[in-house]
C-alpha atoms as a PDB file:
ATOM      1  CA  MET A   1      61.658  42.963  88.989  1.00  0.00           C
ATOM      2  CA  ARG A   2      64.778  44.175  87.068  1.00  0.00           C
ATOM      3  CA  THR A   3      65.883  42.005  84.226  1.00  0.00           C
ATOM      4  CA  ILE A   4      69.391  41.812  82.817  1.00  0.00           C
ATOM      5  CA  THR A   5      69.512  42.408  79.121  1.00  0.00           C
ATOM      6  CA  GLN A   6      72.087  40.269  77.389  1.00  0.00           C
ATOM      7  CA  LEU A   7      74.121  41.684  74.531  1.00  0.00           C
ATOM      8  CA  THR A   8      73.321  39.978  71.278  1.00  0.00           C
ATOM      9  CA  PRO A   9      76.146  39.257  68.826  1.00  0.00           C
ATOM     10  CA  MET A  10      74.866  42.158  66.731  1.00  0.00           C
ATOM     11  CA  LYS A  11      75.129  44.589  69.646  1.00  0.00           C
ATOM     12  CA  VAL A  12      78.646  43.427  70.519  1.00  0.00           C
ATOM     13  CA  ARG A  13      79.716  43.922  66.932  1.00  0.00           C
ATOM     14  CA  ASP A  14      78.262  47.412  66.950  1.00  0.00           C
ATOM     15  CA  PHE A  15      80.112  48.256  70.194  1.00  0.00           C
ATOM     16  CA  PHE A  16      83.518  47.308  68.810  1.00  0.00           C
ATOM     17  CA  LYS A  17      82.722  49.020  65.554  1.00  0.00           C
ATOM     18  CA  LYS A  18      82.094  52.274  67.446  1.00  0.00           C
ATOM     19  CA  LEU A  19      85.139  51.721  69.664  1.00  0.00           C
ATOM     20  CA  PHE A  20      87.474  51.427  66.717  1.00  0.00           C
ATOM     21  CA  ALA A  21      85.843  54.077  64.675  1.00  0.00           C
ATOM     22  CA  PRO A  22      88.352  56.268  62.820  1.00  0.00           C
ATOM     23  CA  PHE A  23      87.471  59.332  64.887  1.00  0.00           C
ATOM     24  CA  VAL A  24      88.119  57.547  68.190  1.00  0.00           C
ATOM     25  CA  VAL A  25      91.330  55.905  66.960  1.00  0.00           C
ATOM     26  CA  ILE A  26      92.689  59.228  65.736  1.00  0.00           C
ATOM     27  CA  ASN A  27      91.947  60.908  69.063  1.00  0.00           C
ATOM     28  CA  LEU A  28      93.547  58.122  71.080  1.00  0.00           C
ATOM     29  CA  THR A  29      96.613  58.103  68.838  1.00  0.00           C
ATOM     30  CA  ALA A  30      96.953  61.887  69.140  1.00  0.00           C
ATOM     31  CA  MET A  31      96.742  61.696  72.934  1.00  0.00           C
ATOM     32  CA  ALA A  32      99.395  58.977  73.036  1.00  0.00           C
ATOM     33  CA  LEU A  33     101.701  61.032  70.821  1.00  0.00           C
ATOM     34  CA  VAL A  34     101.227  64.059  73.070  1.00  0.00           C
ATOM     35  CA  VAL A  35     102.102  62.037  76.180  1.00  0.00           C
ATOM     36  CA  VAL A  36     105.214  60.597  74.509  1.00  0.00           C
ATOM     37  CA  ALA A  37     106.303  64.064  73.354  1.00  0.00           C
ATOM     38  CA  MET A  38     105.859  65.466  76.870  1.00  0.00           C
ATOM     39  CA  VAL A  39     107.932  62.667  78.409  1.00  0.00           C
ATOM     40  CA  VAL A  40     110.722  63.056  75.847  1.00  0.00           C
ATOM     41  CA  GLY A  41     110.709  66.852  76.189  1.00  0.00           C
ATOM     42  CA  LEU A  42     110.836  66.652  79.970  1.00  0.00           C
ATOM     43  CA  GLN A  43     113.796  64.263  79.767  1.00  0.00           C
ATOM     44  CA  PHE A  44     115.702  66.619  77.473  1.00  0.00           C
ATOM     45  CA  ALA A  45     114.882  69.565  79.743  1.00  0.00           C
ATOM     46  CA  LEU A  46     116.161  67.745  82.815  1.00  0.00           C
ATOM     47  CA  ASP A  47     119.342  66.723  81.026  1.00  0.00           C
ATOM     48  CA  ALA A  48     119.924  70.300  79.906  1.00  0.00           C
ATOM     49  CA  TYR A  49     119.249  71.707  83.389  1.00  0.00           C
ATOM     50  CA  THR A  50     121.460  69.239  85.256  1.00  0.00           C
ATOM     51  CA  LYS A  51     124.133  69.138  82.510  1.00  0.00           C
ATOM     52  CA  HIS A  52     123.712  65.371  82.307  1.00  0.00           C
ATOM     53  CA  GLY A  53     127.020  63.608  81.741  1.00  0.00           C
ATOM     54  CA  GLU A  54     129.086  66.787  82.086  1.00  0.00           C
ATOM     55  CA  SER A  55     131.365  67.319  85.103  1.00  0.00           C
ATOM     56  CA  ILE A  56     134.531  69.278  85.817  1.00  0.00           C
ATOM     57  CA  ALA A  57     137.321  68.311  88.212  1.00  0.00           C
ATOM     58  CA  ILE A  58     138.005  71.186  90.625  1.00  0.00           C
ATOM     59  CA  PRO A  59     141.677  72.234  90.687  1.00  0.00           C
ATOM     60  CA  ASP A  60     143.601  73.045  93.851  1.00  0.00           C
ATOM     61  CA  PHE A  61     143.229  76.802  94.412  1.00  0.00           C
ATOM     62  CA  ASN A  62     145.369  76.915  97.582  1.00  0.00           C
ATOM     63  CA  GLY A  63     147.705  79.925  97.304  1.00  0.00           C
ATOM     64  CA  MET A  64     146.197  81.080  93.981  1.00  0.00           C
ATOM     65  CA  ASN A  65     145.089  84.691  93.515  1.00  0.00           C
ATOM     66  CA  ILE A  66     141.296  84.996  93.634  1.00  0.00           C
ATOM     67  CA  ASP A  67     141.101  86.935  90.333  1.00  0.00           C
ATOM     68  CA  LYS A  68     143.128  84.313  88.488  1.00  0.00           C
ATOM     69  CA  ALA A  69     140.990  81.495  89.909  1.00  0.00           C
ATOM     70  CA  ARG A  70     137.770  83.258  88.903  1.00  0.00           C
ATOM     71  CA  LYS A  71     138.964  83.797  85.340  1.00  0.00           C
ATOM     72  CA  MET A  72     139.983  80.154  85.080  1.00  0.00           C
ATOM     73  CA  MET A  73     136.628  78.809  86.239  1.00  0.00           C
ATOM     74  CA  GLU A  74     134.444  81.302  84.355  1.00  0.00           C
ATOM     75  CA  GLU A  75     135.680  79.665  81.152  1.00  0.00           C
ATOM     76  CA  GLN A  76     134.186  76.422  82.512  1.00  0.00           C
ATOM     77  CA  GLY A  77     130.893  78.054  83.461  1.00  0.00           C
ATOM     78  CA  ILE A  78     131.597  77.871  87.202  1.00  0.00           C
ATOM     79  CA  THR A  79     131.352  80.765  89.655  1.00  0.00           C
ATOM     80  CA  ILE A  80     133.728  81.373  92.578  1.00  0.00           C
ATOM     81  CA  MET A  81     132.231  83.176  95.577  1.00  0.00           C
ATOM     82  CA  VAL A  82     134.192  84.556  98.550  1.00  0.00           C
ATOM     83  CA  THR A  83     132.382  83.695 101.782  1.00  0.00           C
ATOM     84  CA  ASP A  84     135.058  84.406 104.409  1.00  0.00           C
ATOM     85  CA  SER A  85     138.528  85.844 104.990  1.00  0.00           C
ATOM     86  CA  GLY A  86     141.457  84.666 107.088  1.00  0.00           C
ATOM     87  CA  ARG A  87     144.987  85.723 107.863  1.00  0.00           C
ATOM     88  CA  ASN A  88     148.209  83.919 106.996  1.00  0.00           C
ATOM     89  CA  LYS A  89     151.245  86.148 107.514  1.00  0.00           C
ATOM     90  CA  HIS A  90     153.395  83.957 105.276  1.00  0.00           C
ATOM     91  CA  MET A  91     151.151  84.310 102.213  1.00  0.00           C
ATOM     92  CA  PRO A  92     150.257  87.376 100.101  1.00  0.00           C
ATOM     93  CA  ALA A  93     146.882  89.052 100.320  1.00  0.00           C
ATOM     94  CA  ASN A  94     143.899  87.961  98.200  1.00  0.00           C
ATOM     95  CA  VAL A  95     145.104  84.388  97.738  1.00  0.00           C
ATOM     96  CA  ILE A  96     142.768  81.477  98.419  1.00  0.00           C
ATOM     97  CA  LEU A  97     143.224  79.682 101.746  1.00  0.00           C
ATOM     98  CA  LEU A  98     140.279  77.243 101.728  1.00  0.00           C
ATOM     99  CA  GLN A  99     137.782  76.010  99.151  1.00  0.00           C
ATOM    100  CA  THR A 100     134.492  74.093  99.126  1.00  0.00           C
ATOM    101  CA  PRO A 101     134.135  71.616  97.414  1.00  0.00           C
ATOM    102  CA  GLU A 102     137.711  70.462  97.888  1.00  0.00           C
ATOM    103  CA  ALA A 103     140.245  70.016  95.112  1.00  0.00           C
ATOM    104  CA  GLY A 104     139.634  66.913  92.995  1.00  0.00           C
ATOM    105  CA  ALA A 105     135.849  66.909  93.443  1.00  0.00           C
ATOM    106  CA  HIS A 106     133.699  66.839  90.282  1.00  0.00           C
ATOM    107  CA  ILE A 107     130.959  69.424  89.777  1.00  0.00           C
ATOM    108  CA  LYS A 108     128.788  70.405  86.839  1.00  0.00           C
ATOM    109  CA  SER A 109     128.832  73.633  84.897  1.00  0.00           C
ATOM    110  CA  GLY A 110     126.714  76.369  86.428  1.00  0.00           C
ATOM    111  CA  ARG A 111     127.619  75.497  90.019  1.00  0.00           C
ATOM    112  CA  THR A 112     129.465  77.643  92.598  1.00  0.00           C
ATOM    113  CA  ILE A 113     132.735  77.129  94.476  1.00  0.00           C
ATOM    114  CA  TYR A 114     132.993  78.854  97.883  1.00  0.00           C
ATOM    115  CA  VAL A 115     136.413  80.076  99.027  1.00  0.00           C
ATOM    116  CA  THR A 116     138.176  81.808 101.940  1.00  0.00           C
ATOM    117  CA  VAL A 117     140.795  84.409 100.959  1.00  0.00           C
ATOM    118  CA  ASN A 118     143.781  85.844 102.794  1.00  0.00           C
ATOM    119  CA  SER A 119     142.991  89.249 104.285  1.00  0.00           C
ATOM    120  CA  LEU A 120     145.052  92.409 103.759  1.00  0.00           C
ATOM    121  CA  SER A 121     145.211  92.955 107.517  1.00  0.00           C
ATOM    122  CA  SER A 122     145.042  90.717 110.533  1.00  0.00           C
ATOM    123  CA  PRO A 123     141.663  90.268 112.193  1.00  0.00           C
ATOM    124  CA  LEU A 124     140.685  92.104 115.369  1.00  0.00           C
ATOM    125  CA  VAL A 125     140.137  89.700 118.261  1.00  0.00           C
ATOM    126  CA  ALA A 126     138.458  90.531 121.580  1.00  0.00           C
ATOM    127  CA  ILE A 127     140.523  90.098 124.748  1.00  0.00           C
ATOM    128  CA  PRO A 128     138.932  87.211 126.699  1.00  0.00           C
ATOM    129  CA  ASP A 129     137.936  87.335 130.354  1.00  0.00           C
ATOM    130  CA  ILE A 130     141.362  86.488 131.807  1.00  0.00           C
ATOM    131  CA  ILE A 131     142.185  89.635 133.778  1.00  0.00           C
ATOM    132  CA  ASP A 132     142.026  88.816 137.499  1.00  0.00           C
ATOM    133  CA  ASN A 133     140.334  85.581 136.479  1.00  0.00           C
ATOM    134  CA  SER A 134     143.085  83.235 135.327  1.00  0.00           C
ATOM    135  CA  SER A 135     146.557  81.915 135.981  1.00  0.00           C
ATOM    136  CA  ALA A 136     149.429  83.063 133.794  1.00  0.00           C
ATOM    137  CA  ARG A 137     149.816  79.676 132.118  1.00  0.00           C
ATOM    138  CA  GLU A 138     146.129  79.386 131.240  1.00  0.00           C
ATOM    139  CA  ALA A 139     145.929  82.970 129.999  1.00  0.00           C
ATOM    140  CA  GLU A 140     148.998  82.682 127.777  1.00  0.00           C
ATOM    141  CA  ALA A 141     147.826  79.396 126.256  1.00  0.00           C
ATOM    142  CA  ARG A 142     144.417  80.886 125.521  1.00  0.00           C
ATOM    143  CA  LEU A 143     145.817  84.029 123.892  1.00  0.00           C
ATOM    144  CA  ARG A 144     148.279  82.047 121.766  1.00  0.00           C
ATOM    145  CA  SER A 145     145.460  79.799 120.527  1.00  0.00           C
ATOM    146  CA  MET A 146     143.630  82.939 119.387  1.00  0.00           C
ATOM    147  CA  GLY A 147     146.605  83.955 117.236  1.00  0.00           C
ATOM    148  CA  PHE A 148     148.379  86.461 119.503  1.00  0.00           C
ATOM    149  CA  VAL A 149     152.147  86.678 119.896  1.00  0.00           C
ATOM    150  CA  MET A 150     153.158  86.811 123.554  1.00  0.00           C
ATOM    151  CA  LEU A 151     156.069  88.755 125.036  1.00  0.00           C
ATOM    152  CA  SER A 152     157.698  88.147 128.416  1.00  0.00           C
ATOM    153  CA  PRO A 153     155.332  88.868 131.310  1.00  0.00           C
ATOM    154  CA  GLN A 154     155.594  91.941 133.525  1.00  0.00           C
ATOM    155  CA  TYR A 155     155.716  91.145 137.227  1.00  0.00           C
ATOM    156  CA  VAL A 156     153.990  93.186 139.903  1.00  0.00           C
ATOM    157  CA  GLU A 157     153.314  92.694 143.604  1.00  0.00           C
ATOM    158  CA  GLY A 158     150.534  90.218 144.179  1.00  0.00           C
ATOM    159  CA  GLU A 159     149.582  86.571 144.173  1.00  0.00           C
ATOM    160  CA  GLN A 160     152.138  84.435 142.374  1.00  0.00           C
ATOM    161  CA  ASP A 161     151.366  83.615 138.691  1.00  0.00           C
ATOM    162  CA  TRP A 162     147.978  85.361 138.855  1.00  0.00           C
ATOM    163  CA  VAL A 163     147.013  87.605 135.906  1.00  0.00           C
ATOM    164  CA  TYR A 164     146.348  91.191 136.932  1.00  0.00           C
ATOM    165  CA  GLY A 165     146.284  92.714 133.459  1.00  0.00           C
ATOM    166  CA  VAL A 166     147.182  92.587 129.756  1.00  0.00           C
ATOM    167  CA  THR A 167     149.275  95.235 127.999  1.00  0.00           C
ATOM    168  CA  CYS A 168     149.866  96.092 124.366  1.00  0.00           C
ATOM    169  CA  ARG A 169     152.667  98.506 123.520  1.00  0.00           C
ATOM    170  CA  GLY A 170     152.693  99.726 127.097  1.00  0.00           C
ATOM    171  CA  ARG A 171     148.929 100.313 127.290  1.00  0.00           C
ATOM    172  CA  ARG A 172     146.627  98.400 129.593  1.00  0.00           C
ATOM    173  CA  LEU A 173     143.825  96.546 127.780  1.00  0.00           C
ATOM    174  CA  THR A 174     140.350  95.768 129.064  1.00  0.00           C
ATOM    175  CA  THR A 175     138.269  92.617 128.735  1.00  0.00           C
ATOM    176  CA  GLY A 176     136.409  92.587 125.421  1.00  0.00           C
ATOM    177  CA  GLU A 177     138.646  95.183 123.779  1.00  0.00           C
ATOM    178  CA  ARG A 178     139.419  94.213 120.170  1.00  0.00           C
ATOM    179  CA  VAL A 179     143.100  94.092 119.219  1.00  0.00           C
ATOM    180  CA  SER A 180     144.925  93.111 116.033  1.00  0.00           C
ATOM    181  CA  THR A 181     146.680  89.758 116.274  1.00  0.00           C
ATOM    182  CA  ASP A 182     149.714  91.408 114.656  1.00  0.00           C
ATOM    183  CA  LEU A 183     150.337  93.332 117.887  1.00  0.00           C
ATOM    184  CA  PRO A 184     152.242  91.403 120.593  1.00  0.00           C
ATOM    185  CA  LEU A 185     150.761  91.225 124.083  1.00  0.00           C
ATOM    186  CA  SER A 186     152.275  90.972 127.528  1.00  0.00           C
ATOM    187  CA  LEU A 187     150.678  89.657 130.699  1.00  0.00           C
ATOM    188  CA  VAL A 188     150.861  91.516 133.998  1.00  0.00           C
ATOM    189  CA  VAL A 189     151.511  88.725 136.502  1.00  0.00           C
ATOM    190  CA  GLY A 190     151.825  88.608 140.271  1.00  0.00           C
ATOM    191  CA  SER A 191     155.326  87.939 141.585  1.00  0.00           C
ATOM    192  CA  GLY A 192     154.264  86.389 144.871  1.00  0.00           C
ATOM    193  CA  THR A 193     155.637  89.269 146.922  1.00  0.00           C
ATOM    194  CA  TYR A 194     153.912  92.176 148.633  1.00  0.00           C
ATOM    195  CA  GLY A 195     155.016  95.690 149.560  1.00  0.00           C
ATOM    196  CA  ASN A 196     155.095  95.158 153.369  1.00  0.00           C
ATOM    197  CA  GLU A 197     156.844  91.796 153.194  1.00  0.00           C
ATOM    198  CA  GLY A 198     159.775  91.606 155.642  1.00  0.00           C
ATOM    199  CA  GLU A 199     158.655  94.579 157.771  1.00  0.00           C
ATOM    200  CA  ILE A 200     158.284  94.119 161.522  1.00  0.00           C
ATOM    201  CA  ASP A 201     155.430  95.789 163.327  1.00  0.00           C
ATOM    202  CA  THR A 202     156.478  97.522 166.547  1.00  0.00           C
ATOM    203  CA  VAL A 203     154.346  98.591 169.530  1.00  0.00           C
ATOM    204  CA  ASP A 204     155.246 101.664 171.559  1.00  0.00           C
ATOM    205  CA  ILE A 205     155.036 100.959 175.268  1.00  0.00           C
ATOM    206  CA  ASN A 206     153.645 103.811 177.336  1.00  0.00           C
ATOM    207  CA  TYR A 207     155.127 103.839 180.786  1.00  0.00           C
ATOM    208  CA  SER A 208     152.862 106.637 181.906  1.00  0.00           C
ATOM    209  CA  ASN A 209     149.896 106.016 184.135  1.00  0.00           C
ATOM    210  CA  ALA A 210     146.409 106.863 183.117  1.00  0.00           C
ATOM    211  CA  GLU A 211     146.756 110.464 184.282  1.00  0.00           C
ATOM    212  CA  GLY A 212     149.991 110.990 182.409  1.00  0.00           C
ATOM    213  CA  ASP A 213     152.110 111.174 185.591  1.00  0.00           C
ATOM    214  CA  ILE A 214     155.226 109.191 186.169  1.00  0.00           C
ATOM    215  CA  ASP A 215     154.825 106.556 188.849  1.00  0.00           C
ATOM    216  CA  GLU A 216     156.440 107.600 192.110  1.00  0.00           C
ATOM    217  CA  PHE A 217     158.453 105.195 194.225  1.00  0.00           C
ATOM    218  CA  GLU A 218     159.884 105.317 197.691  1.00  0.00           C
ATOM    219  CA  GLU A 219     163.495 104.553 198.381  1.00  0.00           C
ATOM    220  CA  VAL A 220     163.892 101.977 201.127  1.00  0.00           C
ATOM    221  CA  ASN A 221     167.061 102.000 203.145  1.00  0.00           C
ATOM    222  CA  GLY A 222     168.543  98.881 204.629  1.00  0.00           C
ATOM    223  CA  PRO A 223     168.978  98.396 208.425  1.00  0.00           C
ATOM    224  CA  SER A 224     171.560 100.611 210.050  1.00  0.00           C
ATOM    225  CA  GLU A 225     174.588  99.004 211.548  1.00  0.00           C
END
């Protein structure tokens, strides 16, 4: 049968004496100092990486030349990257149209601002499926929303207000063809009239018999007086 050995006061004293021996205390102290140093170093590293406490208010770049904006922000440690281009006919080329984050937002050094710049030329847009598939009003509204300038329609014989084609500088376009939005378009629309409208069909009456002979008749005289 197992017996439980009780610690005598002498054994307890020896245990604590070994526990707090100089060698053990030095090792434990060194380990604690290492842990503290690692925590403090990690905190400094995180602060340096995230630029703790440092932020820059983003200016409004709308209408500013991209090169000027880049030079301005490089001095602050911020990069400007062009991600897209647009077209505004009333503004010069290579100026900023949109920016992300927006003006007034605060970002830290080392971050990136994404911008859209004004293109040198207008974009090429594909002609939608409106030819022989849309009314004139719907087609014109759709093309205008895509950025096209519309001229007066050209009328041809056909169903009234139905789109039979799209022209650009006198040339017929096809569905899916890409055209610059700087070039004006014109719809080819039905006038509601047809080429044979107002004509009367006539039928020639043949007075000949089946054999092509003229029918004979007999003159009948009245009663003699």
